[in-house]
Amino acid sequence: MSGHPSCRRFSKKEMQQIKEMSMAGIAQLQILISLRKSNPKLQAISRTVYNAEAKVQKESLMGRTVIQALFDEFGESGFIFDIVRDKKGHLTHLFFVHPYSIILTKSYSTVFVMDCTYKTKKYKMPLLEIVGVTSFSTSFYSCFVALNKEDKNDYIWALEGFRKILGVRNDPSIIVSDRDLALMNAIEVVFPSTRNLLCIWHIQKNILSKCKKYFDEKKE
């Protein structure tokens, strides 16, 4: 009977733990490991955690779509956001920023780092992350932009939103990015006086990938 689904049910306390860990972004496997540490007799498997997370999400949505719930959360948390929809009403672009991030962005507007994930999210939308650097050599998230595609016009829309939170005559001195030509071209359009530097980490990765074939790995 130990393998029967009824033996894998979570208690109310465990469901609350799953909810809290899921909201914190903890992976399902790590959630399962944590639960087993608290309860060594737990018969749950990864699929059980997956089903529990789905149940928690459904309850938290309260009949809303994921996008509706997101917009409600933005409103409750004070986020400022802008969207674009296509002719069918589907969301294609989403710009969002926290009020505290706006304050930091205006205060430390000299150097920013821009990087775009490549459709690794559930909805397959590239996510542009803009990170600022303070005078204390610490960093902060400035804003996030979910895009339809990674082309010049999409990036221009994102950077124009970023420029609005910077304020008048407060363009960055330096923007660091990888060699994403569409992003680089958009930076030149929106911030023509800003220097666009390439990230040294990406340069090193490219050197390794391009030059690796010329070296014998067996030799020092």
N, C-alpha and C. Protein backbone atom coordinates (compact mmCIF):
# COMPACT_ATOMS: atom_id res chain seq x y z
N MET A 1 0.81 -1.22 0.00
CA MET A 1 0.00 0.00 0.00
C MET A 1 0.85 1.27 0.00
N SER A 2 2.15 1.15 0.31
CA SER A 2 2.98 2.34 0.43
C SER A 2 3.11 3.11 -0.87
N GLY A 3 2.92 2.38 -2.01
CA GLY A 3 3.05 3.05 -3.29
C GLY A 3 1.73 3.59 -3.82
N HIS A 4 0.65 3.40 -3.10
CA HIS A 4 -0.66 3.87 -3.55
C HIS A 4 -0.72 5.39 -3.46
N PRO A 5 -1.36 6.07 -4.46
CA PRO A 5 -1.44 7.53 -4.46
C PRO A 5 -1.98 8.12 -3.17
N SER A 6 -2.89 7.41 -2.50
CA SER A 6 -3.47 7.93 -1.26
C SER A 6 -2.43 8.08 -0.16
N CYS A 7 -1.34 7.31 -0.28
CA CYS A 7 -0.27 7.38 0.73
C CYS A 7 0.69 8.54 0.46
N ARG A 8 0.51 9.19 -0.70
CA ARG A 8 1.41 10.28 -1.07
C ARG A 8 0.81 11.66 -0.82
N ARG A 9 -0.35 11.69 -0.21
CA ARG A 9 -1.01 12.97 0.02
C ARG A 9 -0.25 13.79 1.06
N PHE A 10 -0.30 15.11 0.86
CA PHE A 10 0.37 16.01 1.78
C PHE A 10 -0.59 16.48 2.86
N SER A 11 -0.05 16.75 4.03
CA SER A 11 -0.85 17.34 5.10
C SER A 11 -1.05 18.83 4.80
N LYS A 12 -1.92 19.48 5.56
CA LYS A 12 -2.16 20.92 5.38
C LYS A 12 -0.87 21.71 5.61
N LYS A 13 -0.11 21.28 6.61
CA LYS A 13 1.15 21.95 6.91
C LYS A 13 2.12 21.81 5.75
N GLU A 14 2.20 20.62 5.17
CA GLU A 14 3.10 20.39 4.04
C GLU A 14 2.65 21.17 2.81
N MET A 15 1.35 21.28 2.59
CA MET A 15 0.83 22.07 1.46
C MET A 15 1.20 23.54 1.62
N GLN A 16 1.16 24.03 2.85
CA GLN A 16 1.55 25.42 3.11
C GLN A 16 3.04 25.61 2.83
N GLN A 17 3.84 24.63 3.22
CA GLN A 17 5.28 24.69 2.94
C GLN A 17 5.54 24.69 1.44
N ILE A 18 4.81 23.86 0.71
CA ILE A 18 4.95 23.80 -0.74
C ILE A 18 4.60 25.15 -1.36
N LYS A 19 3.53 25.75 -0.88
CA LYS A 19 3.10 27.06 -1.39
C LYS A 19 4.19 28.11 -1.16
N GLU A 20 4.74 28.14 0.04
CA GLU A 20 5.76 29.14 0.38
C GLU A 20 7.03 28.93 -0.43
N MET A 21 7.45 27.67 -0.58
CA MET A 21 8.67 27.38 -1.32
C MET A 21 8.49 27.63 -2.82
N SER A 22 7.31 27.34 -3.33
CA SER A 22 7.02 27.59 -4.75
C SER A 22 7.07 29.08 -5.04
N MET A 23 6.48 29.88 -4.15
CA MET A 23 6.48 31.33 -4.33
C MET A 23 7.88 31.91 -4.24
N ALA A 24 8.76 31.20 -3.53
CA ALA A 24 10.15 31.64 -3.41
C ALA A 24 11.00 31.18 -4.60
N GLY A 25 10.39 30.42 -5.52
CA GLY A 25 11.10 29.99 -6.72
C GLY A 25 11.95 28.75 -6.53
N ILE A 26 11.70 28.00 -5.49
CA ILE A 26 12.49 26.79 -5.22
C ILE A 26 12.03 25.66 -6.15
N ALA A 27 12.98 24.94 -6.72
CA ALA A 27 12.69 23.87 -7.68
C ALA A 27 11.94 22.73 -7.00
N GLN A 28 11.17 21.98 -7.80
CA GLN A 28 10.35 20.89 -7.26
C GLN A 28 11.19 19.84 -6.55
N LEU A 29 12.33 19.50 -7.11
CA LEU A 29 13.18 18.48 -6.48
C LEU A 29 13.66 18.94 -5.11
N GLN A 30 14.03 20.21 -5.00
CA GLN A 30 14.48 20.75 -3.72
C GLN A 30 13.34 20.81 -2.71
N ILE A 31 12.14 21.09 -3.20
CA ILE A 31 10.96 21.08 -2.32
C ILE A 31 10.75 19.69 -1.75
N LEU A 32 10.85 18.69 -2.62
CA LEU A 32 10.67 17.30 -2.19
C LEU A 32 11.73 16.89 -1.18
N ILE A 33 12.97 17.27 -1.42
CA ILE A 33 14.06 16.95 -0.49
C ILE A 33 13.81 17.58 0.87
N SER A 34 13.37 18.84 0.86
CA SER A 34 13.09 19.55 2.11
C SER A 34 11.96 18.88 2.89
N LEU A 35 10.91 18.46 2.18
CA LEU A 35 9.77 17.81 2.83
C LEU A 35 10.17 16.46 3.42
N ARG A 36 11.03 15.75 2.71
CA ARG A 36 11.48 14.44 3.21
C ARG A 36 12.38 14.58 4.43
N LYS A 37 13.10 15.68 4.52
CA LYS A 37 13.92 15.91 5.71
C LYS A 37 13.03 16.12 6.94
N SER A 38 11.92 16.83 6.71
CA SER A 38 10.97 17.07 7.81
C SER A 38 10.16 15.83 8.15
N ASN A 39 9.91 15.01 7.12
CA ASN A 39 9.10 13.81 7.32
C ASN A 39 9.73 12.64 6.55
N PRO A 40 10.65 11.92 7.17
CA PRO A 40 11.36 10.81 6.50
C PRO A 40 10.43 9.71 5.97
N LYS A 41 9.22 9.62 6.51
CA LYS A 41 8.28 8.58 6.08
C LYS A 41 7.44 9.02 4.88
N LEU A 42 7.68 10.22 4.39
CA LEU A 42 6.90 10.76 3.28
C LEU A 42 7.06 9.90 2.04
N GLN A 43 5.94 9.50 1.43
CA GLN A 43 5.95 8.63 0.25
C GLN A 43 5.83 9.42 -1.06
N ALA A 44 5.79 10.73 -0.98
CA ALA A 44 5.59 11.56 -2.17
C ALA A 44 6.74 11.43 -3.16
N ILE A 45 6.42 11.65 -4.43
CA ILE A 45 7.41 11.66 -5.50
C ILE A 45 7.34 13.03 -6.19
N SER A 46 8.22 13.25 -7.17
CA SER A 46 8.26 14.54 -7.86
C SER A 46 6.91 14.90 -8.47
N ARG A 47 6.23 13.90 -9.03
CA ARG A 47 4.93 14.15 -9.65
C ARG A 47 3.92 14.63 -8.62
N THR A 48 4.04 14.14 -7.39
CA THR A 48 3.12 14.56 -6.33
C THR A 48 3.31 16.04 -6.02
N VAL A 49 4.58 16.47 -6.01
CA VAL A 49 4.88 17.89 -5.77
C VAL A 49 4.34 18.74 -6.92
N TYR A 50 4.52 18.24 -8.14
CA TYR A 50 4.02 18.95 -9.32
C TYR A 50 2.50 19.16 -9.22
N ASN A 51 1.79 18.11 -8.87
CA ASN A 51 0.33 18.19 -8.74
C ASN A 51 -0.07 19.15 -7.62
N ALA A 52 0.70 19.12 -6.53
CA ALA A 52 0.40 20.01 -5.40
C ALA A 52 0.61 21.47 -5.79
N GLU A 53 1.68 21.74 -6.55
CA GLU A 53 1.94 23.10 -7.01
C GLU A 53 0.83 23.58 -7.94
N ALA A 54 0.36 22.69 -8.81
CA ALA A 54 -0.72 23.04 -9.73
C ALA A 54 -1.99 23.39 -8.95
N LYS A 55 -2.25 22.64 -7.88
CA LYS A 55 -3.43 22.90 -7.04
C LYS A 55 -3.29 24.24 -6.34
N VAL A 56 -2.10 24.52 -5.82
CA VAL A 56 -1.85 25.79 -5.13
C VAL A 56 -2.04 26.96 -6.09
N GLN A 57 -1.52 26.82 -7.30
CA GLN A 57 -1.65 27.89 -8.29
C GLN A 57 -3.10 28.14 -8.67
N LYS A 58 -3.85 27.06 -8.86
CA LYS A 58 -5.26 27.18 -9.22
C LYS A 58 -6.04 27.90 -8.13
N GLU A 59 -5.73 27.57 -6.87
CA GLU A 59 -6.42 28.21 -5.75
C GLU A 59 -6.06 29.69 -5.66
N SER A 60 -4.80 30.01 -5.92
CA SER A 60 -4.35 31.40 -5.82
C SER A 60 -4.91 32.28 -6.94
N LEU A 61 -5.19 31.67 -8.09
CA LEU A 61 -5.74 32.44 -9.21
C LEU A 61 -7.18 32.85 -8.96
N MET A 62 -7.92 32.05 -8.21
CA MET A 62 -9.32 32.36 -7.87
C MET A 62 -10.16 32.68 -9.10
N GLY A 63 -10.01 31.86 -10.12
CA GLY A 63 -10.81 32.03 -11.33
C GLY A 63 -10.23 32.99 -12.34
N ARG A 64 -9.13 33.65 -12.01
CA ARG A 64 -8.51 34.60 -12.93
C ARG A 64 -7.53 33.89 -13.85
N THR A 65 -7.21 34.53 -14.98
CA THR A 65 -6.12 34.02 -15.81
C THR A 65 -4.81 34.42 -15.15
N VAL A 66 -3.72 33.82 -15.60
CA VAL A 66 -2.40 34.14 -15.04
C VAL A 66 -2.08 35.62 -15.25
N ILE A 67 -2.39 36.14 -16.43
CA ILE A 67 -2.11 37.55 -16.74
C ILE A 67 -2.95 38.47 -15.85
N GLN A 68 -4.23 38.15 -15.66
CA GLN A 68 -5.07 38.96 -14.79
C GLN A 68 -4.53 38.97 -13.36
N ALA A 69 -4.09 37.81 -12.89
CA ALA A 69 -3.52 37.72 -11.55
C ALA A 69 -2.23 38.54 -11.45
N LEU A 70 -1.43 38.51 -12.52
CA LEU A 70 -0.19 39.28 -12.54
C LEU A 70 -0.47 40.77 -12.45
N PHE A 71 -1.44 41.25 -13.23
CA PHE A 71 -1.79 42.67 -13.21
C PHE A 71 -2.34 43.08 -11.85
N ASP A 72 -3.12 42.21 -11.23
CA ASP A 72 -3.63 42.49 -9.88
C ASP A 72 -2.47 42.60 -8.88
N GLU A 73 -1.50 41.71 -9.03
CA GLU A 73 -0.32 41.75 -8.15
C GLU A 73 0.47 43.02 -8.36
N PHE A 74 0.61 43.43 -9.62
CA PHE A 74 1.30 44.69 -9.92
C PHE A 74 0.60 45.86 -9.21
N GLY A 75 -0.73 45.87 -9.30
CA GLY A 75 -1.48 46.96 -8.69
C GLY A 75 -1.34 46.98 -7.18
N GLU A 76 -1.39 45.82 -6.55
CA GLU A 76 -1.27 45.73 -5.10
C GLU A 76 0.13 46.09 -4.61
N SER A 77 1.14 45.78 -5.43
CA SER A 77 2.54 46.01 -5.03
C SER A 77 3.06 47.37 -5.50
N GLY A 78 2.26 48.10 -6.26
CA GLY A 78 2.67 49.42 -6.70
C GLY A 78 3.56 49.44 -7.93
N PHE A 79 3.66 48.31 -8.62
CA PHE A 79 4.47 48.26 -9.84
C PHE A 79 3.88 49.17 -10.91
N ILE A 80 4.76 49.80 -11.68
CA ILE A 80 4.35 50.56 -12.86
C ILE A 80 4.62 49.67 -14.07
N PHE A 81 3.65 49.57 -14.97
CA PHE A 81 3.84 48.68 -16.11
C PHE A 81 3.17 49.22 -17.36
N ASP A 82 3.62 48.72 -18.49
CA ASP A 82 3.06 49.09 -19.78
C ASP A 82 2.98 47.83 -20.63
N ILE A 83 1.96 47.74 -21.48
CA ILE A 83 1.79 46.52 -22.27
C ILE A 83 1.47 46.86 -23.73
N VAL A 84 1.65 45.86 -24.58
CA VAL A 84 1.21 45.92 -25.98
C VAL A 84 0.50 44.61 -26.28
N ARG A 85 -0.63 44.71 -26.94
CA ARG A 85 -1.37 43.51 -27.36
C ARG A 85 -1.45 43.47 -28.88
N ASP A 86 -1.56 42.26 -29.43
CA ASP A 86 -1.74 42.14 -30.87
C ASP A 86 -3.23 42.27 -31.22
N LYS A 87 -3.57 42.10 -32.48
CA LYS A 87 -4.95 42.28 -32.95
C LYS A 87 -5.92 41.30 -32.30
N LYS A 88 -5.39 40.16 -31.87
CA LYS A 88 -6.24 39.15 -31.23
C LYS A 88 -6.35 39.35 -29.72
N GLY A 89 -5.68 40.38 -29.22
CA GLY A 89 -5.73 40.66 -27.80
C GLY A 89 -4.67 39.94 -26.98
N HIS A 90 -3.77 39.23 -27.65
CA HIS A 90 -2.71 38.51 -26.95
C HIS A 90 -1.61 39.48 -26.52
N LEU A 91 -1.10 39.28 -25.33
CA LEU A 91 -0.01 40.11 -24.82
C LEU A 91 1.27 39.82 -25.59
N THR A 92 1.90 40.86 -26.13
CA THR A 92 3.15 40.68 -26.88
C THR A 92 4.34 41.37 -26.21
N HIS A 93 4.08 42.42 -25.43
CA HIS A 93 5.15 43.15 -24.76
C HIS A 93 4.69 43.54 -23.36
N LEU A 94 5.59 43.43 -22.40
CA LEU A 94 5.28 43.81 -21.03
C LEU A 94 6.49 44.46 -20.39
N PHE A 95 6.35 45.72 -20.01
CA PHE A 95 7.40 46.47 -19.31
C PHE A 95 6.94 46.66 -17.87
N PHE A 96 7.78 46.31 -16.89
CA PHE A 96 7.37 46.51 -15.50
C PHE A 96 8.56 46.91 -14.63
N VAL A 97 8.26 47.77 -13.66
CA VAL A 97 9.30 48.32 -12.78
C VAL A 97 8.70 48.64 -11.42
N HIS A 98 9.47 48.37 -10.37
CA HIS A 98 9.03 48.68 -9.01
C HIS A 98 9.35 50.14 -8.69
N PRO A 99 8.51 50.82 -7.90
CA PRO A 99 8.76 52.23 -7.56
C PRO A 99 10.13 52.49 -6.96
N TYR A 100 10.61 51.59 -6.10
CA TYR A 100 11.94 51.77 -5.51
C TYR A 100 13.03 51.68 -6.57
N SER A 101 12.79 50.86 -7.58
CA SER A 101 13.77 50.73 -8.67
C SER A 101 13.85 52.02 -9.48
N ILE A 102 12.72 52.72 -9.60
CA ILE A 102 12.73 54.00 -10.31
C ILE A 102 13.60 55.01 -9.57
N ILE A 103 13.47 55.03 -8.26
CA ILE A 103 14.28 55.95 -7.44
C ILE A 103 15.77 55.65 -7.63
N LEU A 104 16.13 54.37 -7.58
CA LEU A 104 17.53 53.97 -7.75
C LEU A 104 18.01 54.27 -9.17
N THR A 105 17.15 54.04 -10.15
CA THR A 105 17.52 54.28 -11.55
C THR A 105 17.82 55.75 -11.79
N LYS A 106 17.00 56.63 -11.24
CA LYS A 106 17.22 58.06 -11.39
C LYS A 106 18.47 58.52 -10.63
N SER A 107 18.73 57.89 -9.48
CA SER A 107 19.86 58.30 -8.64
C SER A 107 21.20 57.80 -9.17
N TYR A 108 21.19 56.61 -9.74
CA TYR A 108 22.43 56.00 -10.25
C TYR A 108 22.24 55.65 -11.73
N SER A 109 22.34 56.68 -12.55
CA SER A 109 22.01 56.52 -13.98
C SER A 109 23.22 56.47 -14.89
N THR A 110 24.40 56.26 -14.33
CA THR A 110 25.62 56.32 -15.14
C THR A 110 25.87 55.03 -15.91
N VAL A 111 25.81 53.88 -15.23
CA VAL A 111 26.15 52.60 -15.85
C VAL A 111 25.01 51.60 -15.68
N PHE A 112 24.66 50.95 -16.79
CA PHE A 112 23.65 49.90 -16.76
C PHE A 112 24.12 48.69 -17.56
N VAL A 113 23.70 47.53 -17.12
CA VAL A 113 24.01 46.27 -17.82
C VAL A 113 22.69 45.70 -18.35
N MET A 114 22.70 45.33 -19.62
CA MET A 114 21.49 44.78 -20.25
C MET A 114 21.75 43.38 -20.76
N ASP A 115 20.84 42.47 -20.42
CA ASP A 115 20.98 41.08 -20.87
C ASP A 115 19.59 40.52 -21.13
N CYS A 116 19.48 39.71 -22.16
CA CYS A 116 18.18 39.16 -22.54
C CYS A 116 18.24 37.64 -22.51
N THR A 117 17.32 37.03 -21.76
CA THR A 117 17.23 35.57 -21.77
C THR A 117 16.63 35.13 -23.10
N TYR A 118 16.98 33.93 -23.52
CA TYR A 118 16.57 33.48 -24.84
C TYR A 118 15.43 32.48 -24.76
N LYS A 119 14.21 33.01 -24.52
CA LYS A 119 12.99 32.20 -24.51
C LYS A 119 13.07 31.00 -23.57
N THR A 120 13.66 31.23 -22.40
CA THR A 120 13.76 30.14 -21.42
C THR A 120 12.54 30.10 -20.51
N LYS A 121 11.67 31.09 -20.60
CA LYS A 121 10.50 31.14 -19.73
C LYS A 121 9.37 30.29 -20.28
N LYS A 122 8.39 30.05 -19.43
CA LYS A 122 7.26 29.19 -19.79
C LYS A 122 6.54 29.67 -21.04
N TYR A 123 6.38 30.98 -21.19
CA TYR A 123 5.62 31.52 -22.31
C TYR A 123 6.50 31.85 -23.51
N LYS A 124 7.75 31.44 -23.48
CA LYS A 124 8.67 31.57 -24.61
C LYS A 124 8.85 33.03 -25.06
N MET A 125 8.78 33.95 -24.12
CA MET A 125 9.01 35.36 -24.43
C MET A 125 10.38 35.76 -23.90
N PRO A 126 11.24 36.33 -24.75
CA PRO A 126 12.54 36.81 -24.26
C PRO A 126 12.33 37.84 -23.15
N LEU A 127 13.15 37.79 -22.12
CA LEU A 127 13.04 38.74 -21.01
C LEU A 127 14.30 39.58 -20.94
N LEU A 128 14.15 40.87 -21.17
CA LEU A 128 15.27 41.81 -21.07
C LEU A 128 15.38 42.29 -19.63
N GLU A 129 16.54 42.07 -19.03
CA GLU A 129 16.81 42.53 -17.67
C GLU A 129 17.78 43.71 -17.74
N ILE A 130 17.42 44.80 -17.09
CA ILE A 130 18.28 45.98 -17.05
C ILE A 130 18.72 46.18 -15.60
N VAL A 131 20.01 46.13 -15.39
CA VAL A 131 20.60 46.21 -14.05
C VAL A 131 21.47 47.45 -13.94
N GLY A 132 21.28 48.21 -12.87
CA GLY A 132 22.08 49.40 -12.64
C GLY A 132 23.22 49.15 -11.68
N VAL A 133 24.20 50.04 -11.71
CA VAL A 133 25.37 49.94 -10.83
C VAL A 133 25.47 51.22 -10.02
N THR A 134 25.58 51.09 -8.70
CA THR A 134 25.66 52.26 -7.83
C THR A 134 27.10 52.73 -7.68
N SER A 135 27.26 53.87 -7.02
CA SER A 135 28.59 54.41 -6.76
C SER A 135 29.33 53.62 -5.70
N PHE A 136 28.65 52.66 -5.08
CA PHE A 136 29.26 51.80 -4.07
C PHE A 136 29.63 50.43 -4.64
N SER A 137 29.59 50.33 -5.98
CA SER A 137 29.91 49.08 -6.70
C SER A 137 28.93 47.95 -6.37
N THR A 138 27.73 48.32 -5.99
CA THR A 138 26.66 47.34 -5.82
C THR A 138 25.71 47.46 -7.01
N SER A 139 24.86 46.48 -7.18
CA SER A 139 23.96 46.50 -8.33
C SER A 139 22.50 46.42 -7.87
N PHE A 140 21.61 46.79 -8.75
CA PHE A 140 20.18 46.73 -8.46
C PHE A 140 19.42 46.49 -9.77
N TYR A 141 18.26 45.85 -9.66
CA TYR A 141 17.42 45.66 -10.83
C TYR A 141 16.69 46.96 -11.13
N SER A 142 16.86 47.45 -12.34
CA SER A 142 16.17 48.67 -12.75
C SER A 142 14.77 48.34 -13.25
N CYS A 143 14.67 47.50 -14.29
CA CYS A 143 13.37 47.14 -14.83
C CYS A 143 13.47 45.85 -15.63
N PHE A 144 12.31 45.32 -15.99
CA PHE A 144 12.24 44.08 -16.77
C PHE A 144 11.29 44.31 -17.94
N VAL A 145 11.61 43.67 -19.07
CA VAL A 145 10.75 43.80 -20.25
C VAL A 145 10.61 42.45 -20.93
N ALA A 146 9.39 41.93 -20.97
CA ALA A 146 9.11 40.71 -21.73
C ALA A 146 8.78 41.12 -23.16
N LEU A 147 9.44 40.50 -24.12
CA LEU A 147 9.33 40.91 -25.52
C LEU A 147 8.72 39.81 -26.39
N ASN A 148 8.19 40.23 -27.51
CA ASN A 148 7.66 39.28 -28.49
C ASN A 148 8.79 38.61 -29.25
N LYS A 149 9.76 39.42 -29.67
CA LYS A 149 10.92 38.93 -30.40
C LYS A 149 12.14 39.72 -29.98
N GLU A 150 13.29 39.23 -30.40
CA GLU A 150 14.54 39.94 -30.11
C GLU A 150 15.00 40.67 -31.36
N ASP A 151 14.19 41.64 -31.80
CA ASP A 151 14.61 42.43 -32.95
C ASP A 151 14.71 43.90 -32.55
N LYS A 152 15.19 44.70 -33.47
CA LYS A 152 15.49 46.10 -33.19
C LYS A 152 14.28 46.86 -32.69
N ASN A 153 13.13 46.70 -33.34
CA ASN A 153 11.94 47.46 -32.96
C ASN A 153 11.43 47.08 -31.57
N ASP A 154 11.52 45.79 -31.24
CA ASP A 154 11.11 45.36 -29.89
C ASP A 154 12.01 45.97 -28.83
N TYR A 155 13.31 45.97 -29.11
CA TYR A 155 14.25 46.56 -28.16
C TYR A 155 14.06 48.07 -28.05
N ILE A 156 13.75 48.73 -29.16
CA ILE A 156 13.49 50.17 -29.12
C ILE A 156 12.31 50.46 -28.20
N TRP A 157 11.25 49.66 -28.31
CA TRP A 157 10.10 49.85 -27.42
C TRP A 157 10.51 49.69 -25.96
N ALA A 158 11.33 48.69 -25.68
CA ALA A 158 11.78 48.44 -24.31
C ALA A 158 12.64 49.60 -23.79
N LEU A 159 13.56 50.07 -24.61
CA LEU A 159 14.47 51.13 -24.18
C LEU A 159 13.77 52.47 -24.05
N GLU A 160 12.74 52.69 -24.84
CA GLU A 160 11.97 53.93 -24.69
C GLU A 160 11.23 53.94 -23.35
N GLY A 161 10.75 52.77 -22.92
CA GLY A 161 10.13 52.66 -21.60
C GLY A 161 11.16 52.91 -20.50
N PHE A 162 12.35 52.37 -20.69
CA PHE A 162 13.44 52.56 -19.74
C PHE A 162 13.82 54.04 -19.66
N ARG A 163 13.84 54.70 -20.81
CA ARG A 163 14.21 56.11 -20.84
C ARG A 163 13.20 56.97 -20.08
N LYS A 164 11.94 56.58 -20.10
CA LYS A 164 10.90 57.34 -19.39
C LYS A 164 11.16 57.35 -17.89
N ILE A 165 11.61 56.20 -17.35
CA ILE A 165 11.85 56.17 -15.90
C ILE A 165 13.16 56.86 -15.52
N LEU A 166 14.07 57.00 -16.49
CA LEU A 166 15.31 57.73 -16.23
C LEU A 166 15.03 59.22 -16.03
N GLY A 167 14.09 59.74 -16.79
CA GLY A 167 13.78 61.16 -16.71
C GLY A 167 14.51 61.97 -17.77
N VAL A 168 14.19 63.25 -17.83
CA VAL A 168 14.74 64.15 -18.85
C VAL A 168 16.23 64.40 -18.61
N ARG A 169 17.00 64.37 -19.69
CA ARG A 169 18.45 64.65 -19.66
C ARG A 169 19.17 63.81 -18.60
N ASN A 170 18.84 62.55 -18.56
CA ASN A 170 19.47 61.67 -17.58
C ASN A 170 19.89 60.36 -18.24
N ASP A 171 20.31 60.45 -19.51
CA ASP A 171 20.72 59.26 -20.25
C ASP A 171 21.96 58.63 -19.63
N PRO A 172 22.09 57.32 -19.68
CA PRO A 172 23.28 56.64 -19.13
C PRO A 172 24.55 57.06 -19.87
N SER A 173 25.66 57.02 -19.18
CA SER A 173 26.95 57.25 -19.83
C SER A 173 27.43 55.98 -20.52
N ILE A 174 27.16 54.83 -19.88
CA ILE A 174 27.63 53.55 -20.40
C ILE A 174 26.53 52.49 -20.27
N ILE A 175 26.35 51.72 -21.32
CA ILE A 175 25.49 50.54 -21.29
C ILE A 175 26.33 49.34 -21.70
N VAL A 176 26.37 48.34 -20.84
CA VAL A 176 27.13 47.12 -21.11
C VAL A 176 26.16 46.04 -21.59
N SER A 177 26.52 45.36 -22.67
CA SER A 177 25.66 44.31 -23.21
C SER A 177 26.51 43.23 -23.86
N ASP A 178 25.86 42.15 -24.29
CA ASP A 178 26.57 41.18 -25.11
C ASP A 178 26.48 41.66 -26.56
N ARG A 179 26.99 40.87 -27.49
CA ARG A 179 27.01 41.31 -28.89
C ARG A 179 25.70 40.93 -29.59
N ASP A 180 24.62 41.40 -29.02
CA ASP A 180 23.30 41.26 -29.63
C ASP A 180 23.11 42.47 -30.54
N LEU A 181 23.26 42.26 -31.84
CA LEU A 181 23.26 43.38 -32.78
C LEU A 181 21.94 44.15 -32.76
N ALA A 182 20.83 43.45 -32.59
CA ALA A 182 19.53 44.13 -32.54
C ALA A 182 19.47 45.07 -31.34
N LEU A 183 19.95 44.60 -30.19
CA LEU A 183 19.98 45.44 -28.99
C LEU A 183 20.95 46.60 -29.16
N MET A 184 22.11 46.33 -29.72
CA MET A 184 23.11 47.37 -29.93
C MET A 184 22.58 48.46 -30.86
N ASN A 185 21.88 48.06 -31.90
CA ASN A 185 21.30 49.04 -32.83
C ASN A 185 20.21 49.87 -32.16
N ALA A 186 19.42 49.22 -31.30
CA ALA A 186 18.37 49.93 -30.58
C ALA A 186 18.96 50.93 -29.59
N ILE A 187 20.04 50.56 -28.93
CA ILE A 187 20.72 51.47 -28.00
C ILE A 187 21.19 52.71 -28.74
N GLU A 188 21.72 52.51 -29.94
CA GLU A 188 22.21 53.64 -30.74
C GLU A 188 21.08 54.58 -31.13
N VAL A 189 19.88 54.03 -31.33
CA VAL A 189 18.72 54.86 -31.70
C VAL A 189 18.19 55.64 -30.50
N VAL A 190 17.98 54.95 -29.39
CA VAL A 190 17.35 55.57 -28.22
C VAL A 190 18.34 56.38 -27.39
N PHE A 191 19.58 55.90 -27.28
CA PHE A 191 20.62 56.58 -26.50
C PHE A 191 21.84 56.85 -27.38
N PRO A 192 21.74 57.75 -28.35
CA PRO A 192 22.84 57.97 -29.30
C PRO A 192 24.14 58.48 -28.67
N SER A 193 24.04 59.14 -27.53
CA SER A 193 25.24 59.68 -26.88
C SER A 193 25.85 58.72 -25.86
N THR A 194 25.22 57.58 -25.66
CA THR A 194 25.68 56.61 -24.66
C THR A 194 26.68 55.63 -25.28
N ARG A 195 27.76 55.35 -24.55
CA ARG A 195 28.73 54.36 -25.02
C ARG A 195 28.22 52.96 -24.72
N ASN A 196 28.26 52.11 -25.73
CA ASN A 196 27.83 50.72 -25.57
C ASN A 196 29.07 49.83 -25.54
N LEU A 197 29.35 49.26 -24.37
CA LEU A 197 30.52 48.40 -24.20
C LEU A 197 30.08 46.94 -24.17
N LEU A 198 30.94 46.07 -24.68
CA LEU A 198 30.64 44.64 -24.66
C LEU A 198 31.08 44.02 -23.34
N CYS A 199 30.28 43.13 -22.83
CA CYS A 199 30.57 42.44 -21.57
C CYS A 199 31.79 41.53 -21.74
N ILE A 200 32.76 41.67 -20.85
CA ILE A 200 34.00 40.90 -20.96
C ILE A 200 33.75 39.40 -20.80
N TRP A 201 32.75 39.03 -20.02
CA TRP A 201 32.43 37.61 -19.85
C TRP A 201 32.01 37.00 -21.18
N HIS A 202 31.17 37.72 -21.92
CA HIS A 202 30.74 37.22 -23.22
C HIS A 202 31.90 37.20 -24.22
N ILE A 203 32.79 38.17 -24.12
CA ILE A 203 33.97 38.19 -24.99
C ILE A 203 34.83 36.96 -24.73
N GLN A 204 35.06 36.65 -23.46
CA GLN A 204 35.86 35.48 -23.11
C GLN A 204 35.21 34.19 -23.58
N LYS A 205 33.89 34.10 -23.44
CA LYS A 205 33.17 32.91 -23.90
C LYS A 205 33.29 32.74 -25.41
N ASN A 206 33.22 33.85 -26.13
CA ASN A 206 33.33 33.79 -27.59
C ASN A 206 34.74 33.40 -28.02
N ILE A 207 35.74 33.91 -27.29
CA ILE A 207 37.13 33.55 -27.60
C ILE A 207 37.33 32.05 -27.43
N LEU A 208 36.81 31.52 -26.33
CA LEU A 208 36.94 30.09 -26.07
C LEU A 208 36.25 29.26 -27.15
N SER A 209 35.03 29.66 -27.52
CA SER A 209 34.28 28.88 -28.50
C SER A 209 34.89 28.96 -29.89
N LYS A 210 35.46 30.12 -30.25
CA LYS A 210 36.03 30.30 -31.59
C LYS A 210 37.43 29.72 -31.71
N CYS A 211 38.19 29.76 -30.62
CA CYS A 211 39.60 29.36 -30.68
C CYS A 211 39.85 27.93 -30.21
N LYS A 212 38.87 27.31 -29.61
CA LYS A 212 39.04 25.97 -29.04
C LYS A 212 39.52 24.97 -30.08
N LYS A 213 39.02 25.09 -31.31
CA LYS A 213 39.37 24.12 -32.36
C LYS A 213 40.83 24.20 -32.77
N TYR A 214 41.51 25.30 -32.44
CA TYR A 214 42.91 25.45 -32.83
C TYR A 214 43.88 24.89 -31.80
N PHE A 215 43.36 24.40 -30.69
CA PHE A 215 44.22 23.90 -29.63
C PHE A 215 43.90 22.44 -29.32
N ASP A 216 44.94 21.70 -29.02
CA ASP A 216 44.78 20.29 -28.64
C ASP A 216 44.54 20.24 -27.14
N GLU A 217 43.36 19.78 -26.73
CA GLU A 217 43.02 19.75 -25.31
C GLU A 217 43.92 18.83 -24.50
N LYS A 218 44.57 17.89 -25.17
CA LYS A 218 45.42 16.94 -24.45
C LYS A 218 46.76 17.56 -24.07
N LYS A 219 47.10 18.67 -24.74
CA LYS A 219 48.36 19.33 -24.44
C LYS A 219 48.11 20.53 -23.54
N GLU A 220 49.12 20.84 -22.74
CA GLU A 220 49.00 21.98 -21.84
C GLU A 220 49.22 23.27 -22.63
